Amino acid sequence: MLRTFLVLVLVVAFGFLVSTDIGAGEIGVAIDDVAVDFDDMSPTIVDGRTLVPVRGVFEALGFDVEWLEWIAEHQDRDPTLVQAVVLTRGYDRIVIEIGFSYFYRSLGPSLYKAISLDVPAQIIEGRTLLPIRPVLESVGYYVDWDDVTRTVVVSSVPFETSEDYGIVAVLELATFISNMEFDFLVDVMAPLAGPHVPWGMSIELRTPEDVAWVLLRFGADDWNRLLSAMNEDDLAQAMELFEALQQ
């Protein structure tokens, strides 16, 4: 009897510890209102962050998913095994190394930008999972969390109301920005636009059409950085045009 009691205590205690680290309950992902079908591994919550299987989401978005392994040589320590997932779609290329708190987003044929992750990509039950928000936002998607349905909501447009945006309203804001000081375009707009412009595409940010193309791919963080960099007068006018996008 004592042995049975101890076994039950251990089972309950172990179950409690696991539940605090990995969230229970079904978690879904929807891309433009279409649910993603995960074959054998659903999204889960680890350390308060939602981790999503890489292959299911990115293949649904048209990316090729490739798994790579190589031995990294070091001068001051033994060689280490590096494991990575490479996502490729057209000019977009993303490299995600397992166990590292950042990933690489291509800016050109041999130029990559390192972007941080809240939780490193990791392997769980033989599948690669990671927090997808920063990865998706780096290629122009908008990501949100629906707490009621426990769903990661992915949209190809940056705002929930963007389906109602008129191209005239977008072009009015884009025209205003393209006519701003050249230094603003170079120092603020160009770095924000860079991750959203495929390599080889000619976007000079001097025409309203070019700026509009970029604005429609902005995520929430991009908009915040853009508006916060404006002076008081420009910001007041930009906010009027910005609000018109959502009417």
Protein backbone atom coordinates (compact mmCIF):
# COMPACT_ATOMS: atom_id res chain seq x y z
CA MET A 1 0.00 0.00 0.00
CA LEU A 2 2.79 2.44 0.90
CA ARG A 3 4.58 1.67 -2.34
CA THR A 4 1.40 2.29 -4.34
CA PHE A 5 0.87 5.60 -2.54
CA LEU A 6 4.41 6.74 -3.29
CA VAL A 7 4.02 5.84 -6.97
CA LEU A 8 0.79 7.85 -7.14
CA VAL A 9 2.46 10.84 -5.48
CA LEU A 10 5.34 10.73 -7.95
CA VAL A 11 2.98 10.49 -10.92
CA VAL A 12 0.90 13.43 -9.75
CA ALA A 13 3.97 15.50 -8.92
CA PHE A 14 5.58 14.75 -12.29
CA GLY A 15 2.39 15.62 -14.13
CA PHE A 16 2.19 18.92 -12.26
CA LEU A 17 5.78 19.83 -13.14
CA VAL A 18 5.26 19.07 -16.80
CA SER A 19 2.06 21.09 -16.97
CA THR A 20 3.81 24.19 -15.63
CA ASP A 21 6.43 24.05 -18.39
CA ILE A 22 4.42 22.89 -21.38
CA GLY A 23 0.88 24.23 -21.76
CA ALA A 24 -1.94 21.74 -22.09
CA GLY A 25 -4.91 22.05 -24.43
CA GLU A 26 -5.26 22.34 -28.18
CA ILE A 27 -3.61 25.37 -29.80
CA GLY A 28 -4.35 26.25 -33.40
CA VAL A 29 -2.88 28.41 -36.14
CA ALA A 30 -4.96 30.21 -38.77
CA ILE A 31 -3.49 31.93 -41.83
CA ASP A 32 -5.87 34.42 -43.43
CA ASP A 33 -8.78 32.63 -41.72
CA VAL A 34 -7.69 29.18 -42.93
CA ALA A 35 -6.69 26.70 -40.22
CA VAL A 36 -3.28 25.05 -40.56
CA ASP A 37 -3.35 21.25 -40.48
CA PHE A 38 -0.59 19.79 -38.30
CA ASP A 39 -0.01 16.11 -39.01
CA ASP A 40 1.36 14.74 -35.75
CA MET A 41 2.61 17.63 -33.61
CA SER A 42 0.43 20.56 -32.54
CA PRO A 43 1.63 23.94 -31.24
CA THR A 44 2.37 24.03 -27.53
CA ILE A 45 3.30 26.50 -24.80
CA VAL A 46 6.78 26.32 -23.28
CA ASP A 47 7.90 28.77 -20.58
CA GLY A 48 4.94 31.03 -21.34
CA ARG A 49 5.65 31.22 -25.08
CA THR A 50 3.68 29.56 -27.87
CA LEU A 51 5.94 27.34 -29.97
CA VAL A 52 4.72 26.20 -33.37
CA PRO A 53 5.99 23.40 -35.62
CA VAL A 54 8.00 25.05 -38.37
CA ARG A 55 7.08 22.81 -41.28
CA GLY A 56 3.29 23.00 -40.98
CA VAL A 57 3.08 26.80 -40.93
CA PHE A 58 5.78 27.69 -43.42
CA GLU A 59 4.87 25.08 -46.00
CA ALA A 60 1.32 26.46 -45.84
CA LEU A 61 2.83 29.87 -46.68
CA GLY A 62 4.69 28.50 -49.68
CA PHE A 63 8.16 28.17 -48.15
CA ASP A 64 10.50 25.28 -48.88
CA VAL A 65 11.65 23.79 -45.58
CA GLU A 66 15.12 22.22 -45.43
CA TRP A 67 16.89 20.57 -42.49
CA LEU A 68 20.68 20.97 -42.27
CA GLU A 69 23.37 19.62 -39.92
CA TRP A 70 27.08 20.38 -39.89
CA ILE A 71 30.10 20.28 -37.61
CA ALA A 72 31.35 23.68 -36.46
CA GLU A 73 35.07 23.89 -35.70
CA HIS A 74 36.30 26.09 -32.83
CA GLN A 75 39.80 27.20 -31.84
CA ASP A 76 39.21 27.15 -28.09
CA ARG A 77 36.87 24.15 -27.70
CA ASP A 78 35.79 20.89 -29.24
CA PRO A 79 33.78 20.82 -32.48
CA THR A 80 30.01 21.10 -32.04
CA LEU A 81 27.06 19.82 -34.01
CA VAL A 82 24.95 22.62 -35.48
CA GLN A 83 21.36 21.89 -36.52
CA ALA A 84 19.30 24.36 -38.50
CA VAL A 85 16.10 24.81 -40.47
CA VAL A 86 16.34 26.84 -43.69
CA LEU A 87 13.16 28.43 -45.05
CA THR A 88 13.17 29.62 -48.66
CA ARG A 89 10.49 31.32 -50.73
CA GLY A 90 11.54 33.32 -53.75
CA TYR A 91 13.98 35.97 -52.54
CA ASP A 92 13.17 35.30 -48.87
CA ARG A 93 15.60 33.05 -47.01
CA ILE A 94 15.56 32.43 -43.25
CA VAL A 95 18.06 30.37 -41.25
CA ILE A 96 17.00 29.17 -37.79
CA GLU A 97 19.62 27.37 -35.70
CA ILE A 98 18.39 25.06 -32.95
CA GLY A 99 19.11 26.28 -29.42
CA PHE A 100 20.03 29.85 -30.41
CA SER A 101 18.03 32.91 -29.34
CA TYR A 102 18.12 34.53 -32.78
CA PHE A 103 17.59 33.71 -36.46
CA TYR A 104 18.93 35.10 -39.72
CA ARG A 105 16.83 36.87 -42.35
CA SER A 106 18.32 37.43 -45.81
CA LEU A 107 18.73 40.98 -47.05
CA GLY A 108 20.60 39.99 -50.19
CA PRO A 109 22.51 37.11 -51.82
CA SER A 110 25.16 37.01 -49.05
CA LEU A 111 23.86 39.53 -46.50
CA TYR A 112 21.85 38.44 -43.46
CA LYS A 113 20.32 40.28 -40.52
CA ALA A 114 20.23 38.64 -37.07
CA ILE A 115 16.85 38.98 -35.33
CA SER A 116 16.27 37.92 -31.72
CA LEU A 117 13.84 35.25 -30.47
CA ASP A 118 12.19 35.28 -27.03
CA VAL A 119 12.62 31.50 -26.85
CA PRO A 120 15.20 29.58 -28.92
CA ALA A 121 14.03 27.14 -31.56
CA GLN A 122 14.04 23.64 -30.11
CA ILE A 123 13.30 20.04 -30.95
CA ILE A 124 10.32 18.45 -29.17
CA GLU A 125 9.32 14.88 -29.94
CA GLY A 126 11.42 14.93 -33.09
CA ARG A 127 9.87 18.13 -34.47
CA THR A 128 11.34 21.63 -34.71
CA LEU A 129 9.27 24.26 -32.90
CA LEU A 130 9.83 27.99 -32.47
CA PRO A 131 7.99 31.22 -31.60
CA ILE A 132 6.81 32.23 -35.08
CA ARG A 133 5.85 35.88 -34.48
CA PRO A 134 9.30 37.45 -35.09
CA VAL A 135 10.01 35.15 -38.02
CA LEU A 136 6.72 35.88 -39.77
CA GLU A 137 6.85 39.61 -39.03
CA SER A 138 10.34 39.73 -40.58
CA VAL A 139 8.78 38.76 -43.94
CA GLY A 140 5.81 41.10 -43.67
CA TYR A 141 3.07 39.12 -41.91
CA TYR A 142 0.93 40.29 -39.00
CA VAL A 143 0.65 37.91 -36.03
CA ASP A 144 -1.80 38.01 -33.14
CA TRP A 145 -3.11 35.70 -30.41
CA ASP A 146 -6.82 34.90 -29.91
CA ASP A 147 -7.08 33.99 -26.25
CA VAL A 148 -10.69 32.79 -26.53
CA THR A 149 -10.03 30.18 -29.23
CA ARG A 150 -6.36 29.65 -28.29
CA THR A 151 -5.32 30.38 -31.85
CA VAL A 152 -2.25 32.04 -33.36
CA VAL A 153 -3.75 34.35 -35.98
CA VAL A 154 -1.56 35.09 -39.03
CA SER A 155 -2.57 37.65 -41.63
CA SER A 156 -0.94 38.60 -44.91
CA VAL A 157 -2.03 42.21 -44.27
CA PRO A 158 -0.88 44.24 -41.27
CA PHE A 159 -4.17 45.25 -39.69
CA GLU A 160 -7.35 43.47 -38.69
CA THR A 161 -9.38 46.08 -40.60
CA SER A 162 -7.07 46.20 -43.59
CA GLU A 163 -9.52 44.37 -45.85
CA ASP A 164 -11.49 47.63 -45.90
CA TYR A 165 -8.51 49.82 -46.77
CA GLY A 166 -8.90 51.85 -49.93
CA ILE A 167 -5.92 52.21 -52.23
CA VAL A 168 -6.57 55.98 -52.27
CA ALA A 169 -6.06 56.21 -48.49
CA VAL A 170 -2.88 54.15 -48.72
CA LEU A 171 -1.49 56.31 -51.51
CA GLU A 172 -2.29 59.52 -49.62
CA LEU A 173 -0.15 58.42 -46.68
CA ALA A 174 2.51 57.03 -49.02
CA THR A 175 2.62 60.32 -50.94
CA PHE A 176 3.08 62.26 -47.71
CA ILE A 177 5.98 60.02 -46.64
CA SER A 178 7.68 60.02 -50.04
CA ASN A 179 7.69 63.84 -49.97
CA MET A 180 9.35 64.03 -46.56
CA GLU A 181 12.97 65.08 -46.06
CA PHE A 182 15.50 62.91 -47.85
CA ASP A 183 17.31 62.21 -44.56
CA PHE A 184 14.12 60.76 -43.09
CA LEU A 185 13.74 58.40 -46.04
CA VAL A 186 17.37 57.29 -45.78
CA ASP A 187 17.71 57.08 -41.99
CA VAL A 188 14.24 55.84 -41.02
CA MET A 189 12.16 54.58 -43.92
CA ALA A 190 14.83 52.62 -45.78
CA PRO A 191 15.92 50.45 -42.78
CA LEU A 192 12.27 49.69 -41.99
CA ALA A 193 11.50 48.87 -45.60
CA GLY A 194 14.56 46.67 -46.14
CA PRO A 195 13.26 43.40 -44.65
CA HIS A 196 10.04 43.71 -46.68
CA VAL A 197 11.65 44.32 -50.09
CA PRO A 198 12.77 41.15 -51.93
CA TRP A 199 16.33 41.21 -53.15
CA GLY A 200 16.56 42.40 -56.74
CA MET A 201 13.32 44.37 -56.62
CA SER A 202 13.72 48.05 -57.53
CA ILE A 203 12.10 50.17 -54.81
CA GLU A 204 13.64 53.61 -54.37
CA LEU A 205 11.07 54.96 -51.87
CA ARG A 206 10.83 58.15 -53.92
CA THR A 207 7.46 57.37 -55.49
CA PRO A 208 4.13 56.97 -53.64
CA GLU A 209 3.66 53.58 -55.29
CA ASP A 210 6.97 52.28 -53.90
CA VAL A 211 6.22 53.55 -50.41
CA ALA A 212 2.66 52.15 -50.52
CA TRP A 213 4.02 48.73 -51.50
CA VAL A 214 6.19 48.75 -48.37
CA LEU A 215 3.55 50.18 -46.02
CA LEU A 216 1.11 47.40 -46.86
CA ARG A 217 3.68 44.90 -45.60
CA PHE A 218 4.46 46.67 -42.34
CA GLY A 219 3.80 44.95 -39.04
CA ALA A 220 2.76 46.75 -35.85
CA ASP A 221 6.39 47.29 -34.73
CA ASP A 222 7.26 48.85 -38.10
CA TRP A 223 4.40 51.33 -37.82
CA ASN A 224 5.37 52.25 -34.26
CA ARG A 225 9.00 52.90 -35.25
CA LEU A 226 7.96 54.91 -38.31
CA LEU A 227 5.56 57.20 -36.45
CA SER A 228 7.77 57.63 -33.39
CA ALA A 229 10.62 58.90 -35.62
CA MET A 230 8.54 61.79 -37.00
CA ASN A 231 8.65 65.32 -35.64
CA GLU A 232 5.54 66.79 -34.02
CA ASP A 233 4.13 68.51 -37.12
CA ASP A 234 4.73 65.56 -39.44
CA LEU A 235 3.33 63.15 -36.88
CA ALA A 236 0.07 65.09 -36.56
CA GLN A 237 -0.48 65.00 -40.31
CA ALA A 238 0.63 61.38 -40.63
CA MET A 239 -1.73 60.29 -37.86
CA GLU A 240 -4.69 61.81 -39.68
CA LEU A 241 -3.79 59.87 -42.81
CA PHE A 242 -2.98 56.76 -40.77
CA GLU A 243 -6.41 56.83 -39.12
CA ALA A 244 -8.03 57.22 -42.52
CA LEU A 245 -6.66 53.80 -43.47
CA GLN A 246 -8.88 52.19 -40.84
CA GLN A 247 -12.13 53.98 -41.70
